[in-house]
Amino acid sequence: MARKAYSDEKREQVKEALMATVIQCIADRGLIHSSIDVLCRKVGISKTFFYSFFASKEELVLHALRYQQPKLLEYARSLMGDPGLSWRSGVETFLRNCCYGAKSGVAVLSIEEEQQVRRCLSEENFQAFRQDQVIFYRTLLSIFGLPVDGIEPRLFGNLALSMMMVRKAIPDTMPFLFPEVAEDMVDFQVRALVDEMERVKEGAGQVKADG
């Protein structure tokens, strides 16, 4: 397909379609099954046209993870604004749905996939993405009503991502874990993390009230 046949608006639509498609592929089957050929076929473009947007599949993944961030933040806002949910229920719902990415369409990279993407990134791009992640987690904590200095966003990111990645790794990558209690594990970890978040939130509220 000749690139000149596409307007700027159409190109932007194709770019968004590629990012949305790779997110869904990662959530459904994993990055290993998401070849450029598969992605191009799903979006309906040629490989030549693909490379006019991204230098590699890994570069696409990085852009797609950034593309996913505002959608996750909007989802968190919707849960916090739902009158039918308590604060705790809203936060737990968000975390659980992220842990079950295949069901909710949230892309969470496995350990191997993170390593694959990292190997293909320049140090500059890697550090820029890390900074984007810090901003994302800080914003997410703010949406959940936690004070700026309540929980270190990098710590929150590590805790949240680790339980998502471990859940995704059972049983294929981590066969010695017990898949029959994987859901119980997720519930326990989510409750433990939200317990700490609630403690910090209530502590900040008490300080404000006393002041």
Protein backbone atom coordinates (compact mmCIF):
# COMPACT_ATOMS: atom_id res chain seq x y z
CA MET A 1 0.00 0.00 0.00
CA ALA A 2 1.38 3.40 -0.93
CA ARG A 3 1.75 5.68 2.03
CA LYS A 4 0.63 8.69 0.01
CA ALA A 5 -2.84 7.13 -0.11
CA TYR A 6 -3.24 7.79 3.61
CA SER A 7 -4.11 11.17 5.07
CA ASP A 8 -2.58 12.28 8.38
CA GLU A 9 -5.88 11.46 10.05
CA LYS A 10 -5.93 7.97 8.56
CA ARG A 11 -2.32 7.39 9.57
CA GLU A 12 -3.17 8.32 13.15
CA GLN A 13 -6.09 5.89 13.06
CA VAL A 14 -3.82 3.11 11.80
CA LYS A 15 -1.23 3.89 14.49
CA GLU A 16 -3.88 3.72 17.20
CA ALA A 17 -5.22 0.49 15.72
CA LEU A 18 -1.74 -1.05 15.89
CA MET A 19 -1.32 -0.04 19.54
CA ALA A 20 -4.78 -1.27 20.51
CA THR A 21 -4.20 -4.52 18.63
CA VAL A 22 -0.88 -5.33 20.26
CA ILE A 23 -2.37 -4.58 23.70
CA GLN A 24 -5.17 -7.05 23.02
CA CYS A 25 -2.73 -9.63 21.64
CA ILE A 26 -0.53 -9.37 24.74
CA ALA A 27 -3.58 -9.69 26.99
CA ASP A 28 -4.95 -12.67 25.04
CA ARG A 29 -1.94 -14.74 24.03
CA GLY A 30 1.27 -12.97 24.97
CA LEU A 31 3.86 -11.05 23.00
CA ILE A 32 5.51 -14.17 21.59
CA HIS A 33 2.41 -14.83 19.49
CA SER A 34 2.13 -11.21 18.36
CA SER A 35 4.42 -11.12 15.34
CA ILE A 36 4.49 -8.13 13.03
CA ASP A 37 2.84 -10.29 10.37
CA VAL A 38 -0.03 -11.11 12.72
CA LEU A 39 -0.46 -7.48 13.77
CA CYS A 40 -0.42 -6.24 10.18
CA ARG A 41 -2.97 -8.84 9.15
CA LYS A 42 -5.29 -7.86 12.00
CA VAL A 43 -5.04 -4.16 11.19
CA GLY A 44 -5.10 -4.67 7.43
CA ILE A 45 -1.81 -3.07 6.45
CA SER A 46 1.46 -4.20 4.87
CA LYS A 47 4.70 -4.75 6.78
CA THR A 48 6.24 -1.94 4.76
CA PHE A 49 3.56 0.41 6.01
CA PHE A 50 4.06 -0.87 9.58
CA TYR A 51 7.71 0.22 9.48
CA SER A 52 6.65 3.74 8.57
CA PHE A 53 5.27 3.94 12.11
CA PHE A 54 7.59 1.81 14.24
CA ALA A 55 11.14 0.55 13.81
CA SER A 56 10.35 -2.75 15.53
CA LYS A 57 7.67 -4.70 17.35
CA GLU A 58 9.35 -3.77 20.63
CA GLU A 59 9.06 -0.07 19.84
CA LEU A 60 5.37 -0.60 19.13
CA VAL A 61 4.97 -2.34 22.49
CA LEU A 62 6.55 0.60 24.31
CA HIS A 63 4.20 3.05 22.61
CA ALA A 64 1.25 0.75 23.27
CA LEU A 65 1.99 0.59 27.00
CA ARG A 66 2.04 4.38 27.07
CA TYR A 67 -1.18 4.43 25.04
CA GLN A 68 -2.79 2.17 27.63
CA GLN A 69 -1.93 4.41 30.59
CA PRO A 70 -4.58 7.16 30.16
CA LYS A 71 -7.23 4.51 29.58
CA LEU A 72 -6.29 2.84 32.87
CA LEU A 73 -6.35 6.19 34.66
CA GLU A 74 -9.81 6.92 33.26
CA TYR A 75 -10.97 3.49 34.40
CA ALA A 76 -9.66 4.21 37.89
CA ARG A 77 -11.50 7.55 37.91
CA SER A 78 -14.73 5.85 36.87
CA LEU A 79 -14.43 3.37 39.74
CA MET A 80 -13.70 6.12 42.25
CA GLY A 81 -16.71 8.03 40.97
CA ASP A 82 -19.09 5.05 41.07
CA PRO A 83 -21.64 5.70 43.85
CA GLY A 84 -22.31 1.98 44.09
CA LEU A 85 -18.73 1.18 45.13
CA SER A 86 -16.91 1.93 48.34
CA TRP A 87 -13.39 3.34 48.08
CA ARG A 88 -11.94 -0.04 48.97
CA SER A 89 -14.12 -1.94 46.50
CA GLY A 90 -13.14 0.44 43.72
CA VAL A 91 -9.40 0.04 44.32
CA GLU A 92 -9.66 -3.74 44.68
CA THR A 93 -11.72 -3.98 41.49
CA PHE A 94 -9.08 -2.02 39.58
CA LEU A 95 -6.19 -4.15 40.83
CA ARG A 96 -7.98 -7.46 40.29
CA ASN A 97 -8.98 -6.57 36.75
CA CYS A 98 -5.38 -5.65 35.97
CA CYS A 99 -4.24 -9.00 37.38
CA TYR A 100 -6.58 -10.80 34.99
CA GLY A 101 -5.49 -9.00 31.84
CA ALA A 102 -6.75 -11.71 29.50
CA LYS A 103 -10.29 -11.09 30.75
CA SER A 104 -10.16 -7.31 31.01
CA GLY A 105 -7.98 -6.48 28.00
CA VAL A 106 -5.13 -5.05 30.07
CA ALA A 107 -1.65 -5.71 28.68
CA VAL A 108 0.77 -6.98 31.32
CA LEU A 109 4.13 -8.19 30.07
CA SER A 110 5.57 -11.43 31.39
CA ILE A 111 9.11 -11.57 32.78
CA GLU A 112 10.42 -12.91 29.46
CA GLU A 113 8.51 -10.29 27.49
CA GLU A 114 9.95 -7.48 29.61
CA GLN A 115 13.45 -8.84 28.99
CA GLN A 116 12.77 -9.10 25.25
CA VAL A 117 11.56 -5.51 25.01
CA ARG A 118 14.36 -4.18 27.22
CA ARG A 119 17.06 -5.76 25.03
CA CYS A 120 15.77 -3.80 22.06
CA LEU A 121 15.56 -0.41 23.78
CA SER A 122 18.22 2.23 23.93
CA GLU A 123 19.15 3.40 27.42
CA GLU A 124 17.57 6.78 26.63
CA ASN A 125 14.23 5.23 25.64
CA PHE A 126 14.32 2.90 28.63
CA GLN A 127 14.90 5.71 31.12
CA ALA A 128 12.20 7.84 29.48
CA PHE A 129 9.74 4.97 29.81
CA ARG A 130 10.68 4.44 33.46
CA GLN A 131 9.97 8.10 34.15
CA ASP A 132 6.61 7.81 32.39
CA GLN A 133 5.82 4.85 34.63
CA VAL A 134 6.63 6.84 37.77
CA ILE A 135 4.30 9.63 36.64
CA PHE A 136 1.60 7.07 35.84
CA TYR A 137 1.75 5.42 39.26
CA ARG A 138 1.89 8.77 41.05
CA THR A 139 -1.22 9.90 39.15
CA LEU A 140 -2.98 6.63 39.89
CA LEU A 141 -2.28 6.96 43.61
CA SER A 142 -3.63 10.52 43.49
CA ILE A 143 -6.83 9.29 41.82
CA PHE A 144 -7.16 6.79 44.65
CA GLY A 145 -7.01 9.69 47.09
CA LEU A 146 -3.58 9.03 48.59
CA PRO A 147 -1.38 11.96 49.59
CA VAL A 148 1.59 12.81 47.39
CA ASP A 149 4.11 11.49 49.91
CA GLY A 150 1.90 8.64 51.15
CA ILE A 151 3.34 5.75 49.15
CA GLU A 152 6.41 5.87 46.95
CA PRO A 153 5.01 5.42 43.39
CA ARG A 154 7.91 3.16 42.36
CA LEU A 155 7.21 0.89 45.32
CA PHE A 156 3.52 0.81 44.47
CA GLY A 157 4.38 0.00 40.86
CA ASN A 158 6.68 -2.84 41.90
CA LEU A 159 4.07 -4.33 44.23
CA ALA A 160 1.21 -4.04 41.76
CA LEU A 161 3.16 -5.27 38.74
CA SER A 162 4.80 -8.14 40.59
CA MET A 163 1.48 -9.71 41.55
CA MET A 164 0.18 -9.22 38.01
CA MET A 165 3.28 -10.79 36.47
CA VAL A 166 3.34 -13.73 38.88
CA ARG A 167 -0.34 -14.42 38.21
CA LYS A 168 0.36 -14.38 34.47
CA ALA A 169 3.38 -16.69 34.90
CA ILE A 170 1.41 -19.48 36.62
CA PRO A 171 1.78 -22.28 35.64
CA ASP A 172 3.79 -22.00 32.41
CA THR A 173 6.77 -19.93 33.55
CA MET A 174 6.52 -20.74 37.26
CA PRO A 175 5.46 -24.41 37.29
CA PHE A 176 6.46 -25.01 40.91
CA LEU A 177 3.78 -22.64 42.14
CA PHE A 178 0.28 -24.00 42.74
CA PRO A 179 -2.14 -22.91 39.99
CA GLU A 180 -5.15 -24.22 41.92
CA VAL A 181 -4.75 -21.41 44.48
CA ALA A 182 -3.64 -18.68 42.07
CA GLU A 183 -6.89 -16.75 42.44
CA ASP A 184 -6.68 -16.99 46.23
CA MET A 185 -3.12 -15.65 45.97
CA VAL A 186 -4.29 -12.67 43.94
CA ASP A 187 -7.09 -11.94 46.42
CA PHE A 188 -4.65 -12.08 49.34
CA GLN A 189 -2.11 -9.81 47.65
CA VAL A 190 -4.74 -7.30 46.57
CA ARG A 191 -6.21 -7.14 50.08
CA ALA A 192 -2.75 -6.73 51.63
CA LEU A 193 -1.81 -3.89 49.27
CA VAL A 194 -5.14 -2.13 49.73
CA ASP A 195 -4.83 -2.55 53.52
CA GLU A 196 -1.65 -0.48 53.42
CA MET A 197 -3.16 2.05 51.01
CA GLU A 198 -6.16 2.42 53.32
CA ARG A 199 -3.92 2.89 56.34
CA VAL A 200 -1.99 5.66 54.58
CA LYS A 201 -5.19 7.31 53.31
CA GLU A 202 -6.85 7.28 56.72
CA GLY A 203 -3.67 8.51 58.40
CA ALA A 204 -3.47 11.47 56.04
CA GLY A 205 -7.15 12.22 56.68
CA GLN A 206 -6.60 12.17 60.43
CA VAL A 207 -3.64 14.51 60.18
CA LYS A 208 -5.72 16.90 58.10
CA ALA A 209 -8.57 16.76 60.59
CA ASP A 210 -6.23 17.41 63.52
CA GLY A 211 -4.67 20.31 61.71
